[in-house]
Amino acid sequence: MKRDAILKIENVSYRYNDAEDNDYILKNLNYEFEAGKIYAIKGKSGSGKTTLLSLISGLEKEYEGSINFN
């Protein structure tokens, strides 16, 4: 993790319980968020924005990969 990174997402993948085996909302997502910066999450409807926020905030617990908050 970068020295000033406060949140790191590594190989995060998510799919709904009733989805097909290979039908992921998020697949192999990697990103580091740095302290003091402002970020925007944008995309089309249904692209996984709210799902990502639910994962980061800990509201959703069932996912692959790791999310580390420092």
Protein backbone atom coordinates (compact mmCIF):
# COMPACT_ATOMS: atom_id res chain seq x y z
CA MET A 1 0.00 0.00 0.00
CA LYS A 2 1.30 3.46 -0.84
CA ARG A 3 2.46 5.43 2.18
CA ASP A 4 -0.42 7.92 1.90
CA ALA A 5 -3.03 5.41 0.68
CA ILE A 6 -5.94 5.10 3.10
CA LEU A 7 -7.96 2.48 1.24
CA LYS A 8 -6.78 -0.33 -1.01
CA ILE A 9 -9.00 -2.58 -3.12
CA GLU A 10 -7.28 -5.71 -4.47
CA ASN A 11 -8.77 -8.11 -7.01
CA VAL A 12 -12.31 -7.44 -5.78
CA SER A 13 -15.04 -9.30 -7.63
CA TYR A 14 -18.73 -9.36 -6.77
CA ARG A 15 -21.81 -11.08 -8.13
CA TYR A 16 -25.33 -11.47 -6.81
CA ASN A 17 -26.17 -14.80 -5.16
CA ASP A 18 -28.65 -15.72 -7.89
CA ALA A 19 -26.36 -14.69 -10.78
CA GLU A 20 -24.75 -17.09 -13.22
CA ASP A 21 -21.25 -18.26 -12.22
CA ASN A 22 -19.48 -15.83 -14.54
CA ASP A 23 -21.95 -12.91 -14.31
CA TYR A 24 -20.05 -10.42 -12.13
CA ILE A 25 -21.10 -6.86 -11.32
CA LEU A 26 -17.46 -6.07 -10.42
CA LYS A 27 -14.55 -8.19 -11.63
CA ASN A 28 -10.90 -8.00 -10.51
CA LEU A 29 -11.13 -4.38 -9.36
CA ASN A 30 -7.88 -2.85 -8.09
CA TYR A 31 -7.46 0.68 -6.78
CA GLU A 32 -5.74 2.72 -4.07
CA PHE A 33 -7.34 5.81 -2.59
CA GLU A 34 -4.92 8.44 -1.29
CA ALA A 35 -5.42 10.58 1.79
CA GLY A 36 -6.42 14.18 1.11
CA LYS A 37 -7.82 13.56 -2.37
CA ILE A 38 -11.44 13.73 -3.51
CA TYR A 39 -12.77 10.93 -5.71
CA ALA A 40 -15.88 10.57 -7.86
CA ILE A 41 -17.38 7.26 -8.92
CA LYS A 42 -19.25 7.56 -12.18
CA GLY A 43 -20.74 5.21 -14.71
CA LYS A 44 -23.92 4.07 -16.39
CA SER A 45 -26.91 2.83 -14.46
CA GLY A 46 -26.27 -0.74 -13.33
CA SER A 47 -22.50 -0.53 -13.67
CA GLY A 48 -21.80 -1.27 -9.97
CA LYS A 49 -21.30 2.18 -8.39
CA THR A 50 -23.60 1.58 -5.42
CA THR A 51 -22.33 -1.98 -5.06
CA LEU A 52 -18.75 -0.68 -4.81
CA LEU A 53 -19.76 1.81 -2.12
CA SER A 54 -21.57 -0.94 -0.21
CA LEU A 55 -18.44 -3.10 -0.34
CA ILE A 56 -16.12 -0.28 0.76
CA SER A 57 -18.39 0.71 3.65
CA GLY A 58 -18.72 -2.89 4.88
CA LEU A 59 -22.46 -3.18 4.22
CA GLU A 60 -21.84 -6.10 1.87
CA LYS A 61 -19.66 -8.92 3.23
CA GLU A 62 -19.76 -11.56 0.47
CA TYR A 63 -17.12 -10.77 -2.16
CA GLU A 64 -13.86 -12.08 -3.55
CA GLY A 65 -10.57 -10.24 -3.05
CA SER A 66 -9.62 -7.83 -0.28
CA ILE A 67 -10.55 -4.34 0.88
CA ASN A 68 -8.14 -2.78 3.37
CA PHE A 69 -8.72 0.49 5.22
CA ASN A 70 -5.77 2.00 7.03
